[in-house]
C-alpha atoms as a PDB file:
ATOM      1  CA  UNK A   1       8.728   7.851 -11.294  1.00  0.00           C
ATOM      2  CA  UNK A   2       6.293  10.613 -10.401  1.00  0.00           C
ATOM      3  CA  UNK A   3       2.785   9.547  -9.416  1.00  0.00           C
ATOM      4  CA  UNK A   4      -0.211  11.041  -7.646  1.00  0.00           C
ATOM      5  CA  UNK A   5      -2.571   9.822  -4.966  1.00  0.00           C
ATOM      6  CA  UNK A   6      -5.216   9.484  -7.685  1.00  0.00           C
ATOM      7  CA  UNK A   7      -2.988   6.955  -9.455  1.00  0.00           C
ATOM      8  CA  UNK A   8      -3.054   4.838  -6.311  1.00  0.00           C
ATOM      9  CA  UNK A   9      -6.633   5.235  -5.154  1.00  0.00           C
ATOM     10  CA  UNK A  10      -8.294   5.293  -8.598  1.00  0.00           C
ATOM     11  CA  UNK A  11     -12.076   5.173  -8.109  1.00  0.00           C
ATOM     12  CA  UNK A  12     -13.394   3.602  -4.877  1.00  0.00           C
ATOM     13  CA  UNK A  13     -17.126   2.946  -5.150  1.00  0.00           C
ATOM     14  CA  UNK A  14     -18.823   1.964  -1.905  1.00  0.00           C
ATOM     15  CA  UNK A  15     -21.124  -1.004  -2.363  1.00  0.00           C
ATOM     16  CA  UNK A  16     -19.854  -1.994  -5.792  1.00  0.00           C
ATOM     17  CA  UNK A  17     -18.259  -5.422  -5.220  1.00  0.00           C
ATOM     18  CA  UNK A  18     -19.114  -8.874  -3.999  1.00  0.00           C
ATOM     19  CA  UNK A  19     -16.836  -8.365  -0.995  1.00  0.00           C
ATOM     20  CA  UNK A  20     -19.392  -6.054   0.598  1.00  0.00           C
ATOM     21  CA  UNK A  21     -21.657  -7.153   3.406  1.00  0.00           C
ATOM     22  CA  UNK A  22     -25.400  -6.480   3.126  1.00  0.00           C
ATOM     23  CA  UNK A  23     -26.123  -3.732   5.627  1.00  0.00           C
ATOM     24  CA  UNK A  24     -29.490  -2.252   6.593  1.00  0.00           C
ATOM     25  CA  UNK A  25     -30.516   1.315   7.245  1.00  0.00           C
ATOM     26  CA  UNK A  26     -28.673   3.327   4.601  1.00  0.00           C
ATOM     27  CA  UNK A  27     -29.918   6.927   4.497  1.00  0.00           C
ATOM     28  CA  UNK A  28     -28.688   9.283   1.806  1.00  0.00           C
ATOM     29  CA  UNK A  29     -28.282  13.041   1.887  1.00  0.00           C
ATOM     30  CA  UNK A  30     -27.235  15.366  -0.911  1.00  0.00           C
ATOM     31  CA  UNK A  31     -23.738  13.874  -1.138  1.00  0.00           C
ATOM     32  CA  UNK A  32     -23.069  12.031   2.112  1.00  0.00           C
ATOM     33  CA  UNK A  33     -24.482   8.636   3.015  1.00  0.00           C
ATOM     34  CA  UNK A  34     -24.897   6.933   6.377  1.00  0.00           C
ATOM     35  CA  UNK A  35     -24.857   3.174   6.890  1.00  0.00           C
ATOM     36  CA  UNK A  36     -25.835   1.670  10.235  1.00  0.00           C
ATOM     37  CA  UNK A  37     -23.233  -0.947  11.181  1.00  0.00           C
ATOM     38  CA  UNK A  38     -25.066  -1.930  14.347  1.00  0.00           C
ATOM     39  CA  UNK A  39     -24.451  -1.211  18.007  1.00  0.00           C
ATOM     40  CA  UNK A  40     -24.710   2.524  17.456  1.00  0.00           C
ATOM     41  CA  UNK A  41     -21.771   2.606  15.024  1.00  0.00           C
ATOM     42  CA  UNK A  42     -22.388   4.516  11.786  1.00  0.00           C
ATOM     43  CA  UNK A  43     -20.338   4.597   8.596  1.00  0.00           C
ATOM     44  CA  UNK A  44     -20.317   7.937   6.735  1.00  0.00           C
ATOM     45  CA  UNK A  45     -19.318   7.844   3.085  1.00  0.00           C
ATOM     46  CA  UNK A  46     -19.236  10.247   0.157  1.00  0.00           C
ATOM     47  CA  UNK A  47     -16.500  12.640   1.288  1.00  0.00           C
ATOM     48  CA  UNK A  48     -13.378  11.090  -0.310  1.00  0.00           C
ATOM     49  CA  UNK A  49     -12.710   8.980   2.794  1.00  0.00           C
ATOM     50  CA  UNK A  50     -14.674   6.731   5.123  1.00  0.00           C
ATOM     51  CA  UNK A  51     -15.574   8.104   8.541  1.00  0.00           C
ATOM     52  CA  UNK A  52     -17.030   6.190  11.491  1.00  0.00           C
ATOM     53  CA  UNK A  53     -19.257   7.906  14.063  1.00  0.00           C
ATOM     54  CA  UNK A  54     -20.535   6.773  17.460  1.00  0.00           C
ATOM     55  CA  UNK A  55     -22.655   8.572  20.053  1.00  0.00           C
ATOM     56  CA  UNK A  56     -20.798   8.173  23.340  1.00  0.00           C
ATOM     57  CA  UNK A  57     -22.460   9.360  26.574  1.00  0.00           C
ATOM     58  CA  UNK A  58     -20.316  12.518  26.690  1.00  0.00           C
ATOM     59  CA  UNK A  59     -20.692  13.362  23.002  1.00  0.00           C
ATOM     60  CA  UNK A  60     -19.793  12.311  19.482  1.00  0.00           C
ATOM     61  CA  UNK A  61     -16.824  10.044  18.791  1.00  0.00           C
ATOM     62  CA  UNK A  62     -15.439   9.928  15.251  1.00  0.00           C
ATOM     63  CA  UNK A  63     -12.763   7.838  13.596  1.00  0.00           C
ATOM     64  CA  UNK A  64     -11.205  10.160  11.002  1.00  0.00           C
ATOM     65  CA  UNK A  65     -12.676  13.470   9.920  1.00  0.00           C
ATOM     66  CA  UNK A  66     -12.477  13.565   6.146  1.00  0.00           C
ATOM     67  CA  UNK A  67     -10.680  16.204   4.046  1.00  0.00           C
ATOM     68  CA  UNK A  68     -10.771  19.775   5.322  1.00  0.00           C
ATOM     69  CA  UNK A  69     -13.075  20.939   2.531  1.00  0.00           C
ATOM     70  CA  UNK A  70     -15.767  18.483   3.619  1.00  0.00           C
ATOM     71  CA  UNK A  71     -15.065  18.104   7.337  1.00  0.00           C
ATOM     72  CA  UNK A  72     -17.695  20.620   8.481  1.00  0.00           C
ATOM     73  CA  UNK A  73     -20.405  18.874   6.460  1.00  0.00           C
ATOM     74  CA  UNK A  74     -19.272  15.501   7.789  1.00  0.00           C
ATOM     75  CA  UNK A  75     -19.398  16.701  11.372  1.00  0.00           C
ATOM     76  CA  UNK A  76     -22.872  18.189  10.918  1.00  0.00           C
ATOM     77  CA  UNK A  77     -24.025  14.946   9.287  1.00  0.00           C
ATOM     78  CA  UNK A  78     -22.555  12.831  12.089  1.00  0.00           C
ATOM     79  CA  UNK A  79     -24.086  14.951  14.846  1.00  0.00           C
ATOM     80  CA  UNK A  80     -27.508  14.779  13.224  1.00  0.00           C
ATOM     81  CA  UNK A  81     -27.439  11.041  12.582  1.00  0.00           C
ATOM     82  CA  UNK A  82     -26.119  10.074  16.033  1.00  0.00           C
ATOM     83  CA  UNK A  83     -28.148  12.610  17.983  1.00  0.00           C
ATOM     84  CA  UNK A  84     -25.018  13.821  19.761  1.00  0.00           C
ATOM     85  CA  UNK A  85     -24.701  17.492  20.691  1.00  0.00           C
ATOM     86  CA  UNK A  86     -20.941  17.982  20.443  1.00  0.00           C
ATOM     87  CA  UNK A  87     -17.799  16.319  19.143  1.00  0.00           C
ATOM     88  CA  UNK A  88     -15.800  14.956  22.079  1.00  0.00           C
ATOM     89  CA  UNK A  89     -13.290  12.479  20.622  1.00  0.00           C
ATOM     90  CA  UNK A  90     -11.622  12.247  17.214  1.00  0.00           C
ATOM     91  CA  UNK A  91      -9.252   9.492  16.124  1.00  0.00           C
ATOM     92  CA  UNK A  92      -6.715  10.020  13.310  1.00  0.00           C
ATOM     93  CA  UNK A  93      -6.070   6.641  11.694  1.00  0.00           C
ATOM     94  CA  UNK A  94      -2.953   8.164  10.063  1.00  0.00           C
ATOM     95  CA  UNK A  95      -1.635  11.591   9.017  1.00  0.00           C
ATOM     96  CA  UNK A  96      -3.038  11.933   5.489  1.00  0.00           C
ATOM     97  CA  UNK A  97      -5.119  15.036   4.603  1.00  0.00           C
ATOM     98  CA  UNK A  98      -8.280  12.972   4.004  1.00  0.00           C
ATOM     99  CA  UNK A  99      -8.126  11.708   7.588  1.00  0.00           C
ATOM    100  CA  UNK A 100      -7.093  14.867   9.456  1.00  0.00           C
ATOM    101  CA  UNK A 101      -9.212  17.594   7.869  1.00  0.00           C
ATOM    102  CA  UNK A 102     -11.432  17.971  10.946  1.00  0.00           C
ATOM    103  CA  UNK A 103      -8.525  18.308  13.393  1.00  0.00           C
ATOM    104  CA  UNK A 104      -8.393  22.081  13.608  1.00  0.00           C
ATOM    105  CA  UNK A 105     -12.103  22.490  14.230  1.00  0.00           C
ATOM    106  CA  UNK A 106     -12.065  19.624  16.730  1.00  0.00           C
ATOM    107  CA  UNK A 107      -9.124  21.091  18.611  1.00  0.00           C
ATOM    108  CA  UNK A 108     -10.641  24.551  18.789  1.00  0.00           C
ATOM    109  CA  UNK A 109     -13.825  23.176  20.338  1.00  0.00           C
ATOM    110  CA  UNK A 110     -11.953  21.178  22.974  1.00  0.00           C
ATOM    111  CA  UNK A 111     -12.312  17.667  21.562  1.00  0.00           C
ATOM    112  CA  UNK A 112      -9.656  15.082  22.358  1.00  0.00           C
ATOM    113  CA  UNK A 113      -7.715  14.078  19.226  1.00  0.00           C
ATOM    114  CA  UNK A 114      -6.143  10.620  19.489  1.00  0.00           C
ATOM    115  CA  UNK A 115      -3.384   9.372  17.176  1.00  0.00           C
ATOM    116  CA  UNK A 116      -0.280   7.248  17.198  1.00  0.00           C
ATOM    117  CA  UNK A 117       2.780   9.206  18.252  1.00  0.00           C
ATOM    118  CA  UNK A 118       4.296   8.952  14.769  1.00  0.00           C
ATOM    119  CA  UNK A 119       1.172  10.534  13.283  1.00  0.00           C
ATOM    120  CA  UNK A 120       1.353  13.355  15.825  1.00  0.00           C
ATOM    121  CA  UNK A 121       4.972  14.018  14.883  1.00  0.00           C
ATOM    122  CA  UNK A 122       4.242  14.039  11.139  1.00  0.00           C
ATOM    123  CA  UNK A 123       1.466  16.579  11.601  1.00  0.00           C
ATOM    124  CA  UNK A 124       3.866  18.998  13.288  1.00  0.00           C
ATOM    125  CA  UNK A 125       6.093  19.323  10.223  1.00  0.00           C
ATOM    126  CA  UNK A 126       6.011  19.978   6.487  1.00  0.00           C
ATOM    127  CA  UNK A 127       5.589  16.690   4.642  1.00  0.00           C
ATOM    128  CA  UNK A 128       6.757  16.182   1.075  1.00  0.00           C
ATOM    129  CA  UNK A 129       6.149  12.949  -0.826  1.00  0.00           C
ATOM    130  CA  UNK A 130       5.912  11.946  -4.478  1.00  0.00           C
ATOM    131  CA  UNK A 131       2.103  11.834  -4.425  1.00  0.00           C
ATOM    132  CA  UNK A 132       1.483  15.161  -2.680  1.00  0.00           C
ATOM    133  CA  UNK A 133       1.335  18.491  -4.537  1.00  0.00           C
ATOM    134  CA  UNK A 134       4.683  20.251  -4.865  1.00  0.00           C
ATOM    135  CA  UNK A 135       4.019  22.456  -1.836  1.00  0.00           C
ATOM    136  CA  UNK A 136       3.522  19.403   0.371  1.00  0.00           C
ATOM    137  CA  UNK A 137       1.253  19.202   3.390  1.00  0.00           C
ATOM    138  CA  UNK A 138       1.448  20.696   6.890  1.00  0.00           C
ATOM    139  CA  UNK A 139       2.489  21.537   9.420  1.00  0.00           C
ATOM    140  CA  UNK A 140      -0.960  21.756  10.967  1.00  0.00           C
ATOM    141  CA  UNK A 141      -1.661  24.638  13.359  1.00  0.00           C
ATOM    142  CA  UNK A 142      -1.251  23.916  17.097  1.00  0.00           C
ATOM    143  CA  UNK A 143      -5.010  23.481  17.608  1.00  0.00           C
ATOM    144  CA  UNK A 144      -5.034  20.658  15.038  1.00  0.00           C
ATOM    145  CA  UNK A 145      -2.234  18.566  16.560  1.00  0.00           C
ATOM    146  CA  UNK A 146      -3.406  15.392  18.354  1.00  0.00           C
ATOM    147  CA  UNK A 147      -3.750  15.950  22.094  1.00  0.00           C
ATOM    148  CA  UNK A 148      -3.395  12.288  23.088  1.00  0.00           C
ATOM    149  CA  UNK A 149      -0.906   9.916  21.495  1.00  0.00           C
ATOM    150  CA  UNK A 150       0.069   6.337  22.239  1.00  0.00           C
ATOM    151  CA  UNK A 151       2.628   3.739  21.165  1.00  0.00           C
ATOM    152  CA  UNK A 152       1.196   0.216  21.294  1.00  0.00           C
ATOM    153  CA  UNK A 153      -2.390  -0.562  22.358  1.00  0.00           C
ATOM    154  CA  UNK A 154      -5.008   0.972  24.631  1.00  0.00           C
ATOM    155  CA  UNK A 155      -8.661   0.510  25.637  1.00  0.00           C
ATOM    156  CA  UNK A 156     -11.255   3.265  25.853  1.00  0.00           C
ATOM    157  CA  UNK A 157     -14.559   2.559  27.662  1.00  0.00           C
ATOM    158  CA  UNK A 158     -17.382   4.702  26.239  1.00  0.00           C
ATOM    159  CA  UNK A 159     -20.687   4.022  27.951  1.00  0.00           C
ATOM    160  CA  UNK A 160     -21.763   0.502  27.179  1.00  0.00           C
ATOM    161  CA  UNK A 161     -19.093   0.047  24.492  1.00  0.00           C
ATOM    162  CA  UNK A 162     -15.360  -0.549  24.769  1.00  0.00           C
ATOM    163  CA  UNK A 163     -12.967   0.564  22.056  1.00  0.00           C
ATOM    164  CA  UNK A 164      -9.610  -1.096  21.621  1.00  0.00           C
ATOM    165  CA  UNK A 165      -7.155   0.819  19.491  1.00  0.00           C
ATOM    166  CA  UNK A 166      -3.614  -0.078  18.558  1.00  0.00           C
ATOM    167  CA  UNK A 167      -0.641   0.628  16.346  1.00  0.00           C
ATOM    168  CA  UNK A 168      -0.341  -1.377  13.132  1.00  0.00           C
ATOM    169  CA  UNK A 169       3.387  -0.779  12.737  1.00  0.00           C
ATOM    170  CA  UNK A 170       5.022   0.450   9.570  1.00  0.00           C
ATOM    171  CA  UNK A 171       2.350  -0.462   7.051  1.00  0.00           C
ATOM    172  CA  UNK A 172       0.430   2.080   4.966  1.00  0.00           C
ATOM    173  CA  UNK A 173       2.394   4.796   6.834  1.00  0.00           C
ATOM    174  CA  UNK A 174       4.404   4.402  10.046  1.00  0.00           C
ATOM    175  CA  UNK A 175       1.550   5.683  12.214  1.00  0.00           C
ATOM    176  CA  UNK A 176      -1.414   3.534  11.191  1.00  0.00           C
ATOM    177  CA  UNK A 177      -3.880   2.580  13.898  1.00  0.00           C
ATOM    178  CA  UNK A 178      -6.964   0.389  14.102  1.00  0.00           C
ATOM    179  CA  UNK A 179     -10.071   0.949  16.223  1.00  0.00           C
ATOM    180  CA  UNK A 180     -12.171  -2.032  17.303  1.00  0.00           C
ATOM    181  CA  UNK A 181     -15.687  -1.470  18.673  1.00  0.00           C
ATOM    182  CA  UNK A 182     -15.816  -4.644  20.725  1.00  0.00           C
ATOM    183  CA  UNK A 183     -19.555  -5.043  21.342  1.00  0.00           C
ATOM    184  CA  UNK A 184     -20.643  -3.774  17.950  1.00  0.00           C
ATOM    185  CA  UNK A 185     -17.929  -5.985  16.388  1.00  0.00           C
ATOM    186  CA  UNK A 186     -16.860  -3.266  13.966  1.00  0.00           C
ATOM    187  CA  UNK A 187     -13.190  -2.892  13.068  1.00  0.00           C
ATOM    188  CA  UNK A 188     -11.823   0.265  11.450  1.00  0.00           C
ATOM    189  CA  UNK A 189      -8.504  -0.590   9.781  1.00  0.00           C
ATOM    190  CA  UNK A 190      -7.806   2.713   8.007  1.00  0.00           C
ATOM    191  CA  UNK A 191      -5.411   2.726   5.075  1.00  0.00           C
ATOM    192  CA  UNK A 192      -4.263  -0.826   5.830  1.00  0.00           C
ATOM    193  CA  UNK A 193      -7.581  -2.166   4.469  1.00  0.00           C
ATOM    194  CA  UNK A 194      -7.755  -1.684   0.703  1.00  0.00           C
ATOM    195  CA  UNK A 195     -10.852  -0.854  -1.307  1.00  0.00           C
ATOM    196  CA  UNK A 196     -11.986  -3.937  -3.179  1.00  0.00           C
ATOM    197  CA  UNK A 197     -11.538  -2.496  -6.670  1.00  0.00           C
ATOM    198  CA  UNK A 198      -8.445  -0.284  -6.434  1.00  0.00           C
ATOM    199  CA  UNK A 199      -4.830  -0.308  -5.361  1.00  0.00           C
ATOM    200  CA  UNK A 200      -4.073   1.426  -2.059  1.00  0.00           C
ATOM    201  CA  UNK A 201      -1.478   4.110  -1.558  1.00  0.00           C
ATOM    202  CA  UNK A 202       1.650   2.594  -0.040  1.00  0.00           C
ATOM    203  CA  UNK A 203       3.263   5.664   1.494  1.00  0.00           C
ATOM    204  CA  UNK A 204       6.837   4.423   1.628  1.00  0.00           C
ATOM    205  CA  UNK A 205       8.255   7.929   2.120  1.00  0.00           C
ATOM    206  CA  UNK A 206       6.547   8.226   5.501  1.00  0.00           C
ATOM    207  CA  UNK A 207       7.422   4.767   6.749  1.00  0.00           C
ATOM    208  CA  UNK A 208       4.980   2.481   4.975  1.00  0.00           C
ATOM    209  CA  UNK A 209       6.267  -0.731   3.398  1.00  0.00           C
ATOM    210  CA  UNK A 210       4.847  -3.822   1.736  1.00  0.00           C
ATOM    211  CA  UNK A 211       6.112  -6.308   4.335  1.00  0.00           C
ATOM    212  CA  UNK A 212       4.625  -4.199   7.097  1.00  0.00           C
ATOM    213  CA  UNK A 213       1.324  -4.030   5.214  1.00  0.00           C
ATOM    214  CA  UNK A 214       1.155  -7.833   5.305  1.00  0.00           C
ATOM    215  CA  UNK A 215       2.051  -7.833   8.999  1.00  0.00           C
ATOM    216  CA  UNK A 216      -0.586  -5.199   9.775  1.00  0.00           C
ATOM    217  CA  UNK A 217      -3.257  -7.241   8.043  1.00  0.00           C
ATOM    218  CA  UNK A 218      -2.186 -10.250  10.127  1.00  0.00           C
ATOM    219  CA  UNK A 219      -2.849  -8.150  13.243  1.00  0.00           C
ATOM    220  CA  UNK A 220      -6.270  -7.149  11.959  1.00  0.00           C
ATOM    221  CA  UNK A 221      -7.140 -10.753  11.108  1.00  0.00           C
ATOM    222  CA  UNK A 222      -6.365 -11.797  14.685  1.00  0.00           C
ATOM    223  CA  UNK A 223      -8.741  -9.116  15.961  1.00  0.00           C
ATOM    224  CA  UNK A 224     -11.641 -10.362  13.797  1.00  0.00           C
ATOM    225  CA  UNK A 225     -14.148 -13.152  13.698  1.00  0.00           C
ATOM    226  CA  UNK A 226     -16.478 -14.318  10.924  1.00  0.00           C
ATOM    227  CA  UNK A 227     -19.112 -11.678  11.719  1.00  0.00           C
ATOM    228  CA  UNK A 228     -16.821  -8.657  12.117  1.00  0.00           C
ATOM    229  CA  UNK A 229     -17.630  -5.724   9.852  1.00  0.00           C
ATOM    230  CA  UNK A 230     -14.302  -4.355   8.590  1.00  0.00           C
ATOM    231  CA  UNK A 231     -13.966  -0.781   7.337  1.00  0.00           C
ATOM    232  CA  UNK A 232     -11.011   0.785   5.543  1.00  0.00           C
ATOM    233  CA  UNK A 233     -10.270   4.388   4.650  1.00  0.00           C
ATOM    234  CA  UNK A 234     -11.844   3.840   1.228  1.00  0.00           C
ATOM    235  CA  UNK A 235     -14.314   1.439  -0.317  1.00  0.00           C
ATOM    236  CA  UNK A 236     -17.084  -0.631   1.213  1.00  0.00           C
ATOM    237  CA  UNK A 237     -17.405  -2.807   4.265  1.00  0.00           C
ATOM    238  CA  UNK A 238     -15.722  -6.191   3.935  1.00  0.00           C
ATOM    239  CA  UNK A 239     -15.651  -9.388   5.972  1.00  0.00           C
ATOM    240  CA  UNK A 240     -12.889 -11.580   7.349  1.00  0.00           C
ATOM    241  CA  UNK A 241     -12.685 -13.747   4.226  1.00  0.00           C
ATOM    242  CA  UNK A 242     -12.132 -10.683   2.042  1.00  0.00           C
ATOM    243  CA  UNK A 243      -9.448  -9.382   4.414  1.00  0.00           C
ATOM    244  CA  UNK A 244      -7.641 -12.732   4.281  1.00  0.00           C
ATOM    245  CA  UNK A 245      -7.757 -12.618   0.485  1.00  0.00           C
ATOM    246  CA  UNK A 246      -6.181  -9.141   0.567  1.00  0.00           C
ATOM    247  CA  UNK A 247      -3.461 -10.432   2.857  1.00  0.00           C
ATOM    248  CA  UNK A 248      -2.610 -13.243   0.446  1.00  0.00           C
ATOM    249  CA  UNK A 249      -2.520 -10.802  -2.476  1.00  0.00           C
ATOM    250  CA  UNK A 250      -0.134  -8.434  -0.699  1.00  0.00           C
ATOM    251  CA  UNK A 251       2.020 -11.378   0.386  1.00  0.00           C
ATOM    252  CA  UNK A 252       2.317 -12.480  -3.252  1.00  0.00           C
ATOM    253  CA  UNK A 253       3.412  -8.989  -4.275  1.00  0.00           C
ATOM    254  CA  UNK A 254       5.805  -8.764  -1.318  1.00  0.00           C
ATOM    255  CA  UNK A 255       7.453 -12.011  -2.349  1.00  0.00           C
ATOM    256  CA  UNK A 256       7.727 -10.856  -5.962  1.00  0.00           C
ATOM    257  CA  UNK A 257       9.346  -7.495  -5.269  1.00  0.00           C
ATOM    258  CA  UNK A 258      11.813  -9.021  -2.784  1.00  0.00           C
ATOM    259  CA  UNK A 259      12.902 -11.507  -5.438  1.00  0.00           C
ATOM    260  CA  UNK A 260      13.363  -8.653  -7.894  1.00  0.00           C
ATOM    261  CA  UNK A 261      15.419  -6.676  -5.381  1.00  0.00           C
ATOM    262  CA  UNK A 262      17.818  -9.503  -4.569  1.00  0.00           C
ATOM    263  CA  UNK A 263      18.331 -10.065  -8.307  1.00  0.00           C
ATOM    264  CA  UNK A 264      19.558  -6.486  -8.534  1.00  0.00           C
ATOM    265  CA  UNK A 265      16.612  -5.174 -10.522  1.00  0.00           C
ATOM    266  CA  UNK A 266      15.360  -1.594 -10.317  1.00  0.00           C
ATOM    267  CA  UNK A 267      11.803  -0.372  -9.630  1.00  0.00           C
ATOM    268  CA  UNK A 268      10.636  -0.341 -13.266  1.00  0.00           C
ATOM    269  CA  UNK A 269      12.244  -3.732 -13.900  1.00  0.00           C
ATOM    270  CA  UNK A 270      10.521  -5.129 -10.811  1.00  0.00           C
ATOM    271  CA  UNK A 271       7.189  -4.058 -12.215  1.00  0.00           C
ATOM    272  CA  UNK A 272       7.975  -5.738 -15.535  1.00  0.00           C
ATOM    273  CA  UNK A 273       8.325  -9.103 -13.748  1.00  0.00           C
ATOM    274  CA  UNK A 274       4.573  -8.916 -13.076  1.00  0.00           C
ATOM    275  CA  UNK A 275       4.260  -9.543  -9.317  1.00  0.00           C
ATOM    276  CA  UNK A 276       0.704  -8.124  -9.301  1.00  0.00           C
ATOM    277  CA  UNK A 277      -0.500  -9.064 -12.783  1.00  0.00           C
ATOM    278  CA  UNK A 278      -2.965 -11.688 -11.507  1.00  0.00           C
ATOM    279  CA  UNK A 279      -4.875  -9.005  -9.597  1.00  0.00           C
ATOM    280  CA  UNK A 280      -5.086  -6.303 -12.263  1.00  0.00           C
ATOM    281  CA  UNK A 281      -8.390  -7.516 -13.690  1.00  0.00           C
ATOM    282  CA  UNK A 282     -10.042  -6.563 -10.404  1.00  0.00           C
ATOM    283  CA  UNK A 283      -7.947  -3.562  -9.369  1.00  0.00           C
ATOM    284  CA  UNK A 284      -6.570  -2.011 -12.525  1.00  0.00           C
ATOM    285  CA  UNK A 285      -3.005  -1.174 -13.510  1.00  0.00           C
ATOM    286  CA  UNK A 286      -0.603  -2.058 -10.702  1.00  0.00           C
ATOM    287  CA  UNK A 287       2.465  -0.115 -11.807  1.00  0.00           C
ATOM    288  CA  UNK A 288       2.354   2.673  -9.213  1.00  0.00           C
ATOM    289  CA  UNK A 289       1.657   0.231  -6.380  1.00  0.00           C
ATOM    290  CA  UNK A 290       4.359  -2.247  -7.397  1.00  0.00           C
ATOM    291  CA  UNK A 291       6.986   0.472  -7.808  1.00  0.00           C
ATOM    292  CA  UNK A 292       6.100   1.927  -4.403  1.00  0.00           C
ATOM    293  CA  UNK A 293       6.239  -1.573  -2.902  1.00  0.00           C
ATOM    294  CA  UNK A 294       9.687  -2.107  -4.388  1.00  0.00           C
ATOM    295  CA  UNK A 295      10.977   1.263  -3.126  1.00  0.00           C
ATOM    296  CA  UNK A 296       9.550   0.512   0.304  1.00  0.00           C
ATOM    297  CA  UNK A 297      12.030  -2.364   0.605  1.00  0.00           C
ATOM    298  CA  UNK A 298      15.041  -0.046   0.506  1.00  0.00           C
ATOM    299  CA  UNK A 299      14.950   0.579   4.255  1.00  0.00           C
ATOM    300  CA  UNK A 300      14.467  -3.093   5.117  1.00  0.00           C
ATOM    301  CA  UNK A 301      16.349  -5.248   2.592  1.00  0.00           C
ATOM    302  CA  UNK A 302      19.568  -5.133   0.639  1.00  0.00           C
ATOM    303  CA  UNK A 303      20.771  -7.540  -2.052  1.00  0.00           C
ATOM    304  CA  UNK A 304      23.550  -9.925  -1.103  1.00  0.00           C
ATOM    305  CA  UNK A 305      26.923  -8.288  -1.707  1.00  0.00           C
END
């Protein structure tokens, strides 16, 4: 089956569901919006992907940079709203174009770009997947390649705040990371955290898989408490209860597609068994997500011979 990223993401409207937390201090520009998450952490929305900004003592720190077409506007917006003079640190939560569009500008100005090692490797090559345009994506120019990569988990002190960032395993892709602002109690979970009203993209062709998505959400749940503000790559801010509900949903789908696989069914047949039908009223048609979930099992499971 051929499908696009739009099929997966559908329409993510920030602030449109009951899973959102009430947050003060939202200031709107022409197309971008800023929400104060507390502790100096700002959420920037309106550019096809969520971006988090924080004014560290040595300059601006951002988690993701938005798509290339909007990255300059995002950076200008972030600098203005934080009062920082220069971008110093940029995290890539994974390799997708909506997360890495600021990389080249950041690299050329000397900012440190932090990513998981798998993300760094993906960005150095041409990537072709079912949901990308025929020409694919990348490789990025040398200036846009992450300058600092890691494998498991690290801490980054920034003034009075401490960031903990870590690998989420093979989940949404194989290079997903989270960033936890410990004092502000804000957790950025990237593509592992789904928008409340749409199906996420499960990028099985670059190492994502449905079982790993469940495992990654387990890791995020352990990093949270009841007052943690949780941000994904799309959609609004959610709380721990909403994240747990997502985890149970993905576990239900995981169980359903595994059962279909061991019965010898194919991707379309797996979808017809309805492993996600109970969630379609909230999220829309699940066919693309279920088929991707089924295909993601191919590297991890095989039916009994």
